[in-house]
PDB file of N, CA and C in Angstrom:
ATOM      1  N   MET A   1      30.411 -17.962 -28.380  1.00  0.00           N
ATOM      2  CA  MET A   1      31.677 -17.256 -28.523  1.00  0.00           C
ATOM      3  C   MET A   1      32.042 -16.631 -27.178  1.00  0.00           C
ATOM      4  N   THR A   2      33.246 -16.861 -26.723  1.00  0.00           N
ATOM      5  CA  THR A   2      33.748 -16.295 -25.476  1.00  0.00           C
ATOM      6  C   THR A   2      34.517 -15.017 -25.782  1.00  0.00           C
ATOM      7  N   LYS A   3      34.031 -13.904 -25.246  1.00  0.00           N
ATOM      8  CA  LYS A   3      34.656 -12.599 -25.493  1.00  0.00           C
ATOM      9  C   LYS A   3      35.708 -12.342 -24.415  1.00  0.00           C
ATOM     10  N   VAL A   4      36.961 -12.108 -24.854  1.00  0.00           N
ATOM     11  CA  VAL A   4      38.074 -11.863 -23.939  1.00  0.00           C
ATOM     12  C   VAL A   4      38.689 -10.510 -24.267  1.00  0.00           C
ATOM     13  N   TYR A   5      38.758  -9.633 -23.273  1.00  0.00           N
ATOM     14  CA  TYR A   5      39.426  -8.340 -23.423  1.00  0.00           C
ATOM     15  C   TYR A   5      40.821  -8.436 -22.826  1.00  0.00           C
ATOM     16  N   ILE A   6      41.789  -7.862 -23.535  1.00  0.00           N
ATOM     17  CA  ILE A   6      43.179  -7.872 -23.102  1.00  0.00           C
ATOM     18  C   ILE A   6      43.639  -6.434 -22.919  1.00  0.00           C
ATOM     19  N   LEU A   7      44.257  -6.153 -21.778  1.00  0.00           N
ATOM     20  CA  LEU A   7      44.845  -4.847 -21.502  1.00  0.00           C
ATOM     21  C   LEU A   7      46.356  -5.021 -21.477  1.00  0.00           C
ATOM     22  N   GLU A   8      47.038  -4.519 -22.500  1.00  0.00           N
ATOM     23  CA  GLU A   8      48.489  -4.649 -22.611  1.00  0.00           C
ATOM     24  C   GLU A   8      49.012  -3.553 -23.525  1.00  0.00           C
ATOM     25  N   ASP A   9      49.996  -2.777 -23.051  1.00  0.00           N
ATOM     26  CA  ASP A   9      50.513  -1.669 -23.845  1.00  0.00           C
ATOM     27  C   ASP A   9      51.765  -2.006 -24.646  1.00  0.00           C
ATOM     28  N   ASP A  10      52.416  -3.117 -24.366  1.00  0.00           N
ATOM     29  CA  ASP A  10      53.627  -3.482 -25.100  1.00  0.00           C
ATOM     30  C   ASP A  10      53.261  -3.830 -26.544  1.00  0.00           C
ATOM     31  N   SER A  11      53.926  -3.178 -27.491  1.00  0.00           N
ATOM     32  CA  SER A  11      53.565  -3.320 -28.910  1.00  0.00           C
ATOM     33  C   SER A  11      53.865  -4.709 -29.470  1.00  0.00           C
ATOM     34  N   LEU A  12      54.685  -5.494 -28.798  1.00  0.00           N
ATOM     35  CA  LEU A  12      54.926  -6.870 -29.228  1.00  0.00           C
ATOM     36  C   LEU A  12      54.117  -7.871 -28.404  1.00  0.00           C
ATOM     37  N   LEU A  13      54.116  -7.670 -27.098  1.00  0.00           N
ATOM     38  CA  LEU A  13      53.431  -8.608 -26.212  1.00  0.00           C
ATOM     39  C   LEU A  13      51.913  -8.568 -26.375  1.00  0.00           C
ATOM     40  N   GLY A  14      51.335  -7.390 -26.556  1.00  0.00           N
ATOM     41  CA  GLY A  14      49.882  -7.284 -26.706  1.00  0.00           C
ATOM     42  C   GLY A  14      49.345  -8.101 -27.873  1.00  0.00           C
ATOM     43  N   PRO A  15      49.850  -7.849 -29.092  1.00  0.00           N
ATOM     44  CA  PRO A  15      49.373  -8.648 -30.231  1.00  0.00           C
ATOM     45  C   PRO A  15      49.703 -10.142 -30.090  1.00  0.00           C
ATOM     46  N   THR A  16      50.832 -10.458 -29.451  1.00  0.00           N
ATOM     47  CA  THR A  16      51.191 -11.863 -29.245  1.00  0.00           C
ATOM     48  C   THR A  16      50.195 -12.523 -28.303  1.00  0.00           C
ATOM     49  N   MET A  17      49.829 -11.846 -27.219  1.00  0.00           N
ATOM     50  CA  MET A  17      48.842 -12.382 -26.286  1.00  0.00           C
ATOM     51  C   MET A  17      47.494 -12.554 -26.985  1.00  0.00           C
ATOM     52  N   LYS A  18      47.118 -11.583 -27.798  1.00  0.00           N
ATOM     53  CA  LYS A  18      45.857 -11.661 -28.553  1.00  0.00           C
ATOM     54  C   LYS A  18      45.878 -12.879 -29.481  1.00  0.00           C
ATOM     55  N   ASP A  19      46.988 -13.058 -30.203  1.00  0.00           N
ATOM     56  CA  ASP A  19      47.115 -14.212 -31.100  1.00  0.00           C
ATOM     57  C   ASP A  19      47.065 -15.520 -30.318  1.00  0.00           C
ATOM     58  N   LEU A  20      47.724 -15.567 -29.170  1.00  0.00           N
ATOM     59  CA  LEU A  20      47.730 -16.765 -28.341  1.00  0.00           C
ATOM     60  C   LEU A  20      46.314 -17.154 -27.941  1.00  0.00           C
ATOM     61  N   VAL A  21      45.534 -16.181 -27.526  1.00  0.00           N
ATOM     62  CA  VAL A  21      44.147 -16.461 -27.146  1.00  0.00           C
ATOM     63  C   VAL A  21      43.373 -16.977 -28.346  1.00  0.00           C
ATOM     64  N   GLU A  22      43.520 -16.301 -29.478  1.00  0.00           N
ATOM     65  CA  GLU A  22      42.739 -16.673 -30.661  1.00  0.00           C
ATOM     66  C   GLU A  22      43.095 -18.055 -31.198  1.00  0.00           C
ATOM     67  N   ILE A  23      44.367 -18.445 -31.127  1.00  0.00           N
ATOM     68  CA  ILE A  23      44.727 -19.774 -31.635  1.00  0.00           C
ATOM     69  C   ILE A  23      44.468 -20.880 -30.614  1.00  0.00           C
ATOM     70  N   SER A  24      44.181 -20.485 -29.371  1.00  0.00           N
ATOM     71  CA  SER A  24      43.888 -21.478 -28.334  1.00  0.00           C
ATOM     72  C   SER A  24      42.520 -22.109 -28.520  1.00  0.00           C
ATOM     73  N   GLY A  25      41.663 -21.471 -29.258  1.00  0.00           N
ATOM     74  CA  GLY A  25      40.338 -22.035 -29.492  1.00  0.00           C
ATOM     75  C   GLY A  25      39.523 -21.172 -30.421  1.00  0.00           C
ATOM     76  N   GLU A  26      38.757 -21.811 -31.272  1.00  0.00           N
ATOM     77  CA  GLU A  26      37.941 -21.092 -32.251  1.00  0.00           C
ATOM     78  C   GLU A  26      36.851 -20.252 -31.601  1.00  0.00           C
ATOM     79  N   HIS A  27      36.523 -20.580 -30.384  1.00  0.00           N
ATOM     80  CA  HIS A  27      35.397 -19.905 -29.724  1.00  0.00           C
ATOM     81  C   HIS A  27      35.800 -18.629 -28.986  1.00  0.00           C
ATOM     82  N   PHE A  28      37.064 -18.179 -29.121  1.00  0.00           N
ATOM     83  CA  PHE A  28      37.499 -16.952 -28.459  1.00  0.00           C
ATOM     84  C   PHE A  28      37.466 -15.768 -29.412  1.00  0.00           C
ATOM     85  N   GLU A  29      36.819 -14.713 -28.971  1.00  0.00           N
ATOM     86  CA  GLU A  29      36.802 -13.425 -29.682  1.00  0.00           C
ATOM     87  C   GLU A  29      37.553 -12.447 -28.788  1.00  0.00           C
ATOM     88  N   THR A  30      38.605 -11.812 -29.306  1.00  0.00           N
ATOM     89  CA  THR A  30      39.439 -10.959 -28.466  1.00  0.00           C
ATOM     90  C   THR A  30      39.431  -9.513 -28.923  1.00  0.00           C
ATOM     91  N   LYS A  31      39.710  -8.645 -27.960  1.00  0.00           N
ATOM     92  CA  LYS A  31      39.881  -7.228 -28.238  1.00  0.00           C
ATOM     93  C   LYS A  31      41.032  -6.746 -27.368  1.00  0.00           C
ATOM     94  N   LEU A  32      41.968  -6.031 -27.981  1.00  0.00           N
ATOM     95  CA  LEU A  32      43.163  -5.562 -27.299  1.00  0.00           C
ATOM     96  C   LEU A  32      43.061  -4.072 -26.995  1.00  0.00           C
ATOM     97  N   PHE A  33      43.437  -3.698 -25.770  1.00  0.00           N
ATOM     98  CA  PHE A  33      43.421  -2.301 -25.332  1.00  0.00           C
ATOM     99  C   PHE A  33      44.796  -1.927 -24.801  1.00  0.00           C
ATOM    100  N   VAL A  34      45.201  -0.687 -25.053  1.00  0.00           N
ATOM    101  CA  VAL A  34      46.475  -0.159 -24.567  1.00  0.00           C
ATOM    102  C   VAL A  34      46.255   0.697 -23.325  1.00  0.00           C
ATOM    103  N   TYR A  35      45.133   1.391 -23.267  1.00  0.00           N
ATOM    104  CA  TYR A  35      44.844   2.321 -22.178  1.00  0.00           C
ATOM    105  C   TYR A  35      43.753   1.779 -21.259  1.00  0.00           C
ATOM    106  N   PHE A  36      43.994   1.914 -19.966  1.00  0.00           N
ATOM    107  CA  PHE A  36      43.030   1.457 -18.966  1.00  0.00           C
ATOM    108  C   PHE A  36      41.681   2.145 -19.143  1.00  0.00           C
ATOM    109  N   SER A  37      41.682   3.437 -19.443  1.00  0.00           N
ATOM    110  CA  SER A  37      40.420   4.170 -19.595  1.00  0.00           C
ATOM    111  C   SER A  37      39.579   3.593 -20.739  1.00  0.00           C
ATOM    112  N   ASP A  38      40.201   3.257 -21.853  1.00  0.00           N
ATOM    113  CA  ASP A  38      39.476   2.648 -22.979  1.00  0.00           C
ATOM    114  C   ASP A  38      38.984   1.247 -22.615  1.00  0.00           C
ATOM    115  N   PHE A  39      39.836   0.508 -21.935  1.00  0.00           N
ATOM    116  CA  PHE A  39      39.510  -0.839 -21.488  1.00  0.00           C
ATOM    117  C   PHE A  39      38.283  -0.820 -20.575  1.00  0.00           C
ATOM    118  N   MET A  40      38.293   0.065 -19.579  1.00  0.00           N
ATOM    119  CA  MET A  40      37.177   0.145 -18.636  1.00  0.00           C
ATOM    120  C   MET A  40      35.889   0.605 -19.307  1.00  0.00           C
ATOM    121  N   ALA A  41      35.989   1.535 -20.251  1.00  0.00           N
ATOM    122  CA  ALA A  41      34.795   1.977 -20.977  1.00  0.00           C
ATOM    123  C   ALA A  41      34.179   0.797 -21.722  1.00  0.00           C
ATOM    124  N   ALA A  42      35.018  -0.020 -22.341  1.00  0.00           N
ATOM    125  CA  ALA A  42      34.515  -1.189 -23.068  1.00  0.00           C
ATOM    126  C   ALA A  42      33.921  -2.218 -22.108  1.00  0.00           C
ATOM    127  N   VAL A  43      34.577  -2.436 -20.975  1.00  0.00           N
ATOM    128  CA  VAL A  43      34.066  -3.386 -19.974  1.00  0.00           C
ATOM    129  C   VAL A  43      32.674  -2.961 -19.506  1.00  0.00           C
ATOM    130  N   LYS A  44      32.492  -1.669 -19.286  1.00  0.00           N
ATOM    131  CA  LYS A  44      31.200  -1.168 -18.811  1.00  0.00           C
ATOM    132  C   LYS A  44      30.129  -1.182 -19.900  1.00  0.00           C
ATOM    133  N   ASN A  45      30.508  -0.888 -21.147  1.00  0.00           N
ATOM    134  CA  ASN A  45      29.540  -0.801 -22.245  1.00  0.00           C
ATOM    135  C   ASN A  45      29.170  -2.155 -22.835  1.00  0.00           C
ATOM    136  N   SER A  46      30.131  -3.048 -22.899  1.00  0.00           N
ATOM    137  CA  SER A  46      29.905  -4.366 -23.489  1.00  0.00           C
ATOM    138  C   SER A  46      30.778  -5.373 -22.742  1.00  0.00           C
ATOM    139  N   PRO A  47      30.328  -5.812 -21.577  1.00  0.00           N
ATOM    140  CA  PRO A  47      31.174  -6.652 -20.724  1.00  0.00           C
ATOM    141  C   PRO A  47      31.662  -7.917 -21.427  1.00  0.00           C
ATOM    142  N   PRO A  48      32.938  -8.234 -21.232  1.00  0.00           N
ATOM    143  CA  PRO A  48      33.474  -9.475 -21.794  1.00  0.00           C
ATOM    144  C   PRO A  48      33.114 -10.663 -20.905  1.00  0.00           C
ATOM    145  N   ASP A  49      33.508 -11.833 -21.343  1.00  0.00           N
ATOM    146  CA  ASP A  49      33.338 -13.029 -20.527  1.00  0.00           C
ATOM    147  C   ASP A  49      34.543 -13.240 -19.605  1.00  0.00           C
ATOM    148  N   ALA A  50      35.693 -12.697 -20.017  1.00  0.00           N
ATOM    149  CA  ALA A  50      36.922 -12.827 -19.250  1.00  0.00           C
ATOM    150  C   ALA A  50      37.876 -11.700 -19.653  1.00  0.00           C
ATOM    151  N   THR A  51      38.848 -11.419 -18.782  1.00  0.00           N
ATOM    152  CA  THR A  51      39.844 -10.395 -19.087  1.00  0.00           C
ATOM    153  C   THR A  51      41.247 -10.897 -18.775  1.00  0.00           C
ATOM    154  N   ILE A  52      42.202 -10.367 -19.540  1.00  0.00           N
ATOM    155  CA  ILE A  52      43.625 -10.602 -19.311  1.00  0.00           C
ATOM    156  C   ILE A  52      44.242  -9.224 -19.148  1.00  0.00           C
ATOM    157  N   VAL A  53      44.924  -9.000 -18.016  1.00  0.00           N
ATOM    158  CA  VAL A  53      45.322  -7.653 -17.650  1.00  0.00           C
ATOM    159  C   VAL A  53      46.792  -7.569 -17.254  1.00  0.00           C
ATOM    160  N   ASP A  54      47.517  -6.651 -17.877  1.00  0.00           N
ATOM    161  CA  ASP A  54      48.858  -6.285 -17.436  1.00  0.00           C
ATOM    162  C   ASP A  54      48.699  -5.210 -16.372  1.00  0.00           C
ATOM    163  N   LEU A  55      49.576  -5.197 -15.392  1.00  0.00           N
ATOM    164  CA  LEU A  55      49.453  -4.240 -14.289  1.00  0.00           C
ATOM    165  C   LEU A  55      50.207  -2.935 -14.508  1.00  0.00           C
ATOM    166  N   ASN A  56      50.711  -2.717 -15.702  1.00  0.00           N
ATOM    167  CA  ASN A  56      51.438  -1.481 -15.962  1.00  0.00           C
ATOM    168  C   ASN A  56      51.145  -1.000 -17.378  1.00  0.00           C
ATOM    169  N   VAL A  57      50.202  -0.068 -17.494  1.00  0.00           N
ATOM    170  CA  VAL A  57      49.862   0.537 -18.785  1.00  0.00           C
ATOM    171  C   VAL A  57      49.995   2.054 -18.644  1.00  0.00           C
ATOM    172  N   PRO A  58      50.013   2.787 -19.749  1.00  0.00           N
ATOM    173  CA  PRO A  58      50.333   4.219 -19.676  1.00  0.00           C
ATOM    174  C   PRO A  58      49.495   5.057 -18.716  1.00  0.00           C
ATOM    175  N   ASP A  59      48.207   4.772 -18.588  1.00  0.00           N
ATOM    176  CA  ASP A  59      47.369   5.640 -17.766  1.00  0.00           C
ATOM    177  C   ASP A  59      46.977   5.046 -16.407  1.00  0.00           C
ATOM    178  N   LYS A  60      47.594   3.906 -16.029  1.00  0.00           N
ATOM    179  CA  LYS A  60      47.277   3.296 -14.724  1.00  0.00           C
ATOM    180  C   LYS A  60      48.283   2.186 -14.454  1.00  0.00           C
ATOM    181  N   SER A  61      48.596   1.979 -13.182  1.00  0.00           N
ATOM    182  CA  SER A  61      49.472   0.864 -12.857  1.00  0.00           C
ATOM    183  C   SER A  61      49.176   0.348 -11.453  1.00  0.00           C
ATOM    184  N   GLY A  62      49.583  -0.889 -11.227  1.00  0.00           N
ATOM    185  CA  GLY A  62      49.470  -1.488  -9.910  1.00  0.00           C
ATOM    186  C   GLY A  62      48.154  -2.202  -9.651  1.00  0.00           C
ATOM    187  N   ALA A  63      47.990  -2.610  -8.400  1.00  0.00           N
ATOM    188  CA  ALA A  63      46.819  -3.382  -7.987  1.00  0.00           C
ATOM    189  C   ALA A  63      45.525  -2.603  -8.128  1.00  0.00           C
ATOM    190  N   SER A  64      45.604  -1.274  -8.199  1.00  0.00           N
ATOM    191  CA  SER A  64      44.382  -0.480  -8.359  1.00  0.00           C
ATOM    192  C   SER A  64      43.665  -0.812  -9.665  1.00  0.00           C
ATOM    193  N   ILE A  65      44.410  -1.283 -10.664  1.00  0.00           N
ATOM    194  CA  ILE A  65      43.778  -1.723 -11.919  1.00  0.00           C
ATOM    195  C   ILE A  65      42.779  -2.832 -11.608  1.00  0.00           C
ATOM    196  N   VAL A  66      43.201  -3.799 -10.829  1.00  0.00           N
ATOM    197  CA  VAL A  66      42.346  -4.947 -10.510  1.00  0.00           C
ATOM    198  C   VAL A  66      41.218  -4.537  -9.571  1.00  0.00           C
ATOM    199  N   SER A  67      41.512  -3.665  -8.638  1.00  0.00           N
ATOM    200  CA  SER A  67      40.471  -3.192  -7.718  1.00  0.00           C
ATOM    201  C   SER A  67      39.338  -2.509  -8.479  1.00  0.00           C
ATOM    202  N   GLU A  68      39.689  -1.602  -9.370  1.00  0.00           N
ATOM    203  CA  GLU A  68      38.667  -0.901 -10.158  1.00  0.00           C
ATOM    204  C   GLU A  68      37.945  -1.843 -11.107  1.00  0.00           C
ATOM    205  N   LEU A  69      38.690  -2.743 -11.723  1.00  0.00           N
ATOM    206  CA  LEU A  69      38.083  -3.699 -12.643  1.00  0.00           C
ATOM    207  C   LEU A  69      37.093  -4.593 -11.916  1.00  0.00           C
ATOM    208  N   SER A  70      37.433  -5.056 -10.730  1.00  0.00           N
ATOM    209  CA  SER A  70      36.545  -5.985 -10.019  1.00  0.00           C
ATOM    210  C   SER A  70      35.224  -5.341  -9.620  1.00  0.00           C
ATOM    211  N   VAL A  71      35.209  -4.015  -9.473  1.00  0.00           N
ATOM    212  CA  VAL A  71      33.960  -3.319  -9.173  1.00  0.00           C
ATOM    213  C   VAL A  71      33.069  -3.277 -10.416  1.00  0.00           C
ATOM    214  N   ALA A  72      33.663  -3.007 -11.565  1.00  0.00           N
ATOM    215  CA  ALA A  72      32.899  -2.862 -12.812  1.00  0.00           C
ATOM    216  C   ALA A  72      32.613  -4.198 -13.490  1.00  0.00           C
ATOM    217  N   PHE A  73      33.434  -5.186 -13.227  1.00  0.00           N
ATOM    218  CA  PHE A  73      33.347  -6.481 -13.913  1.00  0.00           C
ATOM    219  C   PHE A  73      33.262  -7.579 -12.866  1.00  0.00           C
ATOM    220  N   SER A  74      32.054  -7.977 -12.564  1.00  0.00           N
ATOM    221  CA  SER A  74      31.858  -8.923 -11.465  1.00  0.00           C
ATOM    222  C   SER A  74      31.435 -10.310 -11.925  1.00  0.00           C
ATOM    223  N   ARG A  75      31.365 -10.521 -13.238  1.00  0.00           N
ATOM    224  CA  ARG A  75      30.798 -11.792 -13.665  1.00  0.00           C
ATOM    225  C   ARG A  75      31.796 -12.831 -14.160  1.00  0.00           C
ATOM    226  N   GLY A  76      32.983 -12.447 -14.579  1.00  0.00           N
ATOM    227  CA  GLY A  76      33.887 -13.412 -15.186  1.00  0.00           C
ATOM    228  C   GLY A  76      35.274 -13.404 -14.594  1.00  0.00           C
ATOM    229  N   PRO A  77      36.085 -14.371 -15.026  1.00  0.00           N
ATOM    230  CA  PRO A  77      37.434 -14.494 -14.511  1.00  0.00           C
ATOM    231  C   PRO A  77      38.382 -13.415 -15.048  1.00  0.00           C
ATOM    232  N   VAL A  78      39.405 -13.128 -14.251  1.00  0.00           N
ATOM    233  CA  VAL A  78      40.410 -12.126 -14.585  1.00  0.00           C
ATOM    234  C   VAL A  78      41.781 -12.783 -14.449  1.00  0.00           C
ATOM    235  N   PHE A  79      42.578 -12.717 -15.507  1.00  0.00           N
ATOM    236  CA  PHE A  79      43.957 -13.202 -15.474  1.00  0.00           C
ATOM    237  C   PHE A  79      44.854 -11.982 -15.430  1.00  0.00           C
ATOM    238  N   VAL A  80      45.689 -11.881 -14.398  1.00  0.00           N
ATOM    239  CA  VAL A  80      46.547 -10.719 -14.188  1.00  0.00           C
ATOM    240  C   VAL A  80      48.006 -11.160 -14.288  1.00  0.00           C
ATOM    241  N   TYR A  81      48.795 -10.417 -15.055  1.00  0.00           N
ATOM    242  CA  TYR A  81      50.213 -10.726 -15.126  1.00  0.00           C
ATOM    243  C   TYR A  81      51.021  -9.436 -15.076  1.00  0.00           C
ATOM    244  N   SER A  82      52.262  -9.587 -14.617  1.00  0.00           N
ATOM    245  CA  SER A  82      53.132  -8.427 -14.500  1.00  0.00           C
ATOM    246  C   SER A  82      54.574  -8.886 -14.339  1.00  0.00           C
ATOM    247  N   GLY A  83      55.498  -8.009 -14.666  1.00  0.00           N
ATOM    248  CA  GLY A  83      56.899  -8.243 -14.381  1.00  0.00           C
ATOM    249  C   GLY A  83      57.270  -7.718 -13.005  1.00  0.00           C
ATOM    250  N   ASP A  84      56.333  -7.101 -12.329  1.00  0.00           N
ATOM    251  CA  ASP A  84      56.552  -6.500 -11.016  1.00  0.00           C
ATOM    252  C   ASP A  84      56.008  -7.441  -9.934  1.00  0.00           C
ATOM    253  N   TYR A  85      56.920  -8.134  -9.282  1.00  0.00           N
ATOM    254  CA  TYR A  85      56.541  -9.113  -8.270  1.00  0.00           C
ATOM    255  C   TYR A  85      55.732  -8.480  -7.148  1.00  0.00           C
ATOM    256  N   GLU A  86      56.125  -7.294  -6.696  1.00  0.00           N
ATOM    257  CA  GLU A  86      55.407  -6.628  -5.602  1.00  0.00           C
ATOM    258  C   GLU A  86      53.972  -6.278  -6.000  1.00  0.00           C
ATOM    259  N   ALA A  87      53.781  -5.866  -7.250  1.00  0.00           N
ATOM    260  CA  ALA A  87      52.422  -5.555  -7.722  1.00  0.00           C
ATOM    261  C   ALA A  87      51.563  -6.817  -7.743  1.00  0.00           C
ATOM    262  N   LEU A  88      52.143  -7.940  -8.161  1.00  0.00           N
ATOM    263  CA  LEU A  88      51.398  -9.203  -8.151  1.00  0.00           C
ATOM    264  C   LEU A  88      51.054  -9.627  -6.725  1.00  0.00           C
ATOM    265  N   GLU A  89      51.966  -9.413  -5.805  1.00  0.00           N
ATOM    266  CA  GLU A  89      51.693  -9.725  -4.397  1.00  0.00           C
ATOM    267  C   GLU A  89      50.547  -8.863  -3.873  1.00  0.00           C
ATOM    268  N   ALA A  90      50.509  -7.604  -4.276  1.00  0.00           N
ATOM    269  CA  ALA A  90      49.423  -6.711  -3.847  1.00  0.00           C
ATOM    270  C   ALA A  90      48.087  -7.190  -4.394  1.00  0.00           C
ATOM    271  N   VAL A  91      48.088  -7.677  -5.629  1.00  0.00           N
ATOM    272  CA  VAL A  91      46.856  -8.226  -6.218  1.00  0.00           C
ATOM    273  C   VAL A  91      46.449  -9.485  -5.457  1.00  0.00           C
ATOM    274  N   SER A  92      47.396 -10.353  -5.182  1.00  0.00           N
ATOM    275  CA  SER A  92      47.087 -11.579  -4.427  1.00  0.00           C
ATOM    276  C   SER A  92      46.513 -11.250  -3.052  1.00  0.00           C
ATOM    277  N   ALA A  93      47.007 -10.186  -2.433  1.00  0.00           N
ATOM    278  CA  ALA A  93      46.525  -9.780  -1.107  1.00  0.00           C
ATOM    279  C   ALA A  93      45.067  -9.320  -1.141  1.00  0.00           C
ATOM    280  N   LEU A  94      44.573  -8.940  -2.303  1.00  0.00           N
ATOM    281  CA  LEU A  94      43.163  -8.545  -2.421  1.00  0.00           C
ATOM    282  C   LEU A  94      42.236  -9.745  -2.225  1.00  0.00           C
ATOM    283  N   ALA A  95      42.773 -10.942  -2.430  1.00  0.00           N
ATOM    284  CA  ALA A  95      42.030 -12.194  -2.243  1.00  0.00           C
ATOM    285  C   ALA A  95      40.708 -12.217  -3.004  1.00  0.00           C
ATOM    286  N   LEU A  96      40.752 -11.817  -4.249  1.00  0.00           N
ATOM    287  CA  LEU A  96      39.558 -11.833  -5.089  1.00  0.00           C
ATOM    288  C   LEU A  96      39.414 -13.221  -5.713  1.00  0.00           C
ATOM    289  N   PRO A  97      38.265 -13.862  -5.562  1.00  0.00           N
ATOM    290  CA  PRO A  97      38.113 -15.259  -5.975  1.00  0.00           C
ATOM    291  C   PRO A  97      38.218 -15.517  -7.477  1.00  0.00           C
ATOM    292  N   ARG A  98      37.930 -14.558  -8.304  1.00  0.00           N
ATOM    293  CA  ARG A  98      37.943 -14.784  -9.758  1.00  0.00           C
ATOM    294  C   ARG A  98      39.246 -14.374 -10.411  1.00  0.00           C
ATOM    295  N   VAL A  99      40.255 -14.008  -9.615  1.00  0.00           N
ATOM    296  CA  VAL A  99      41.501 -13.460 -10.141  1.00  0.00           C
ATOM    297  C   VAL A  99      42.632 -14.476 -10.045  1.00  0.00           C
ATOM    298  N   SER A 100      43.288 -14.730 -11.181  1.00  0.00           N
ATOM    299  CA  SER A 100      44.486 -15.565 -11.238  1.00  0.00           C
ATOM    300  C   SER A 100      45.660 -14.660 -11.571  1.00  0.00           C
ATOM    301  N   THR A 101      46.834 -14.943 -11.001  1.00  0.00           N
ATOM    302  CA  THR A 101      48.002 -14.111 -11.261  1.00  0.00           C
ATOM    303  C   THR A 101      49.164 -14.940 -11.793  1.00  0.00           C
ATOM    304  N   SER A 102      50.037 -14.258 -12.537  1.00  0.00           N
ATOM    305  CA  SER A 102      51.221 -14.914 -13.075  1.00  0.00           C
ATOM    306  C   SER A 102      52.324 -13.883 -13.290  1.00  0.00           C
ATOM    307  N   TYR A 103      53.549 -14.298 -13.034  1.00  0.00           N
ATOM    308  CA  TYR A 103      54.692 -13.448 -13.336  1.00  0.00           C
ATOM    309  C   TYR A 103      54.843 -13.394 -14.863  1.00  0.00           C
ATOM    310  N   LYS A 104      55.196 -12.258 -15.395  1.00  0.00           N
ATOM    311  CA  LYS A 104      55.174 -12.023 -16.840  1.00  0.00           C
ATOM    312  C   LYS A 104      55.945 -13.072 -17.643  1.00  0.00           C
ATOM    313  N   THR A 105      57.090 -13.516 -17.165  1.00  0.00           N
ATOM    314  CA  THR A 105      57.867 -14.489 -17.942  1.00  0.00           C
ATOM    315  C   THR A 105      57.199 -15.856 -17.999  1.00  0.00           C
ATOM    316  N   ASP A 106      56.285 -16.130 -17.102  1.00  0.00           N
ATOM    317  CA  ASP A 106      55.564 -17.403 -17.091  1.00  0.00           C
ATOM    318  C   ASP A 106      54.191 -17.304 -17.749  1.00  0.00           C
ATOM    319  N   SER A 107      53.820 -16.129 -18.193  1.00  0.00           N
ATOM    320  CA  SER A 107      52.438 -15.866 -18.580  1.00  0.00           C
ATOM    321  C   SER A 107      51.924 -16.687 -19.742  1.00  0.00           C
ATOM    322  N   PHE A 108      52.724 -16.915 -20.774  1.00  0.00           N
ATOM    323  CA  PHE A 108      52.197 -17.631 -21.926  1.00  0.00           C
ATOM    324  C   PHE A 108      51.798 -19.053 -21.569  1.00  0.00           C
ATOM    325  N   ASP A 109      52.663 -19.766 -20.860  1.00  0.00           N
ATOM    326  CA  ASP A 109      52.312 -21.129 -20.447  1.00  0.00           C
ATOM    327  C   ASP A 109      51.119 -21.120 -19.503  1.00  0.00           C
ATOM    328  N   THR A 110      51.110 -20.183 -18.580  1.00  0.00           N
ATOM    329  CA  THR A 110      50.037 -20.116 -17.595  1.00  0.00           C
ATOM    330  C   THR A 110      48.714 -19.721 -18.236  1.00  0.00           C
ATOM    331  N   VAL A 111      48.744 -18.780 -19.167  1.00  0.00           N
ATOM    332  CA  VAL A 111      47.492 -18.340 -19.794  1.00  0.00           C
ATOM    333  C   VAL A 111      46.892 -19.442 -20.656  1.00  0.00           C
ATOM    334  N   ILE A 112      47.706 -20.294 -21.241  1.00  0.00           N
ATOM    335  CA  ILE A 112      47.161 -21.415 -22.020  1.00  0.00           C
ATOM    336  C   ILE A 112      46.336 -22.324 -21.112  1.00  0.00           C
ATOM    337  N   GLY A 113      46.849 -22.644 -19.933  1.00  0.00           N
ATOM    338  CA  GLY A 113      46.089 -23.454 -18.979  1.00  0.00           C
ATOM    339  C   GLY A 113      44.824 -22.759 -18.530  1.00  0.00           C
ATOM    340  N   TRP A 114      44.940 -21.441 -18.302  1.00  0.00           N
ATOM    341  CA  TRP A 114      43.776 -20.647 -17.887  1.00  0.00           C
ATOM    342  C   TRP A 114      42.713 -20.657 -18.981  1.00  0.00           C
ATOM    343  N   LEU A 115      43.131 -20.506 -20.230  1.00  0.00           N
ATOM    344  CA  LEU A 115      42.193 -20.513 -21.360  1.00  0.00           C
ATOM    345  C   LEU A 115      41.528 -21.883 -21.505  1.00  0.00           C
ATOM    346  N   GLU A 116      42.280 -22.941 -21.273  1.00  0.00           N
ATOM    347  CA  GLU A 116      41.688 -24.280 -21.330  1.00  0.00           C
ATOM    348  C   GLU A 116      40.589 -24.425 -20.290  1.00  0.00           C
ATOM    349  N   GLY A 117      40.776 -23.789 -19.127  1.00  0.00           N
ATOM    350  CA  GLY A 117      39.739 -23.802 -18.094  1.00  0.00           C
ATOM    351  C   GLY A 117      38.501 -23.031 -18.534  1.00  0.00           C
ATOM    352  N   LEU A 118      38.688 -21.937 -19.273  1.00  0.00           N
ATOM    353  CA  LEU A 118      37.554 -21.180 -19.790  1.00  0.00           C
ATOM    354  C   LEU A 118      36.763 -21.989 -20.804  1.00  0.00           C
ATOM    355  N   ALA A 119      37.484 -22.774 -21.594  1.00  0.00           N
ATOM    356  CA  ALA A 119      36.850 -23.530 -22.669  1.00  0.00           C
ATOM    357  C   ALA A 119      36.065 -24.724 -22.131  1.00  0.00           C
ATOM    358  N   ALA A 120      36.391 -25.163 -20.937  1.00  0.00           N
ATOM    359  CA  ALA A 120      35.741 -26.376 -20.386  1.00  0.00           C
ATOM    360  C   ALA A 120      34.294 -26.120 -20.019  1.00  0.00           C
TER     361      ALA A 120
END
């Protein structure tokens, strides 16, 4: 079973992203978080195999989300999406090898391809 944590505060997009992951393959177990602090506590206590992260949640925003996550979570891939082009550029500038980025409007199509890569 591949454990995937999702950080998304939008009340429609979060559950939709969770459903998308779960229907993409029987081997995905997902957990949805609204707050970065809760997300990071879970990452540290029970690390997932992969994460999907929005760059704007109530208690944190921007590339610092990815910077902090990459310190605590060094073993699996990270999919980052945002509607903020500049924030995505800042994440790309970090040049982290396990991080994939996508603009929010493209995220569903892009995350399906990313999930297929996880399943391989």
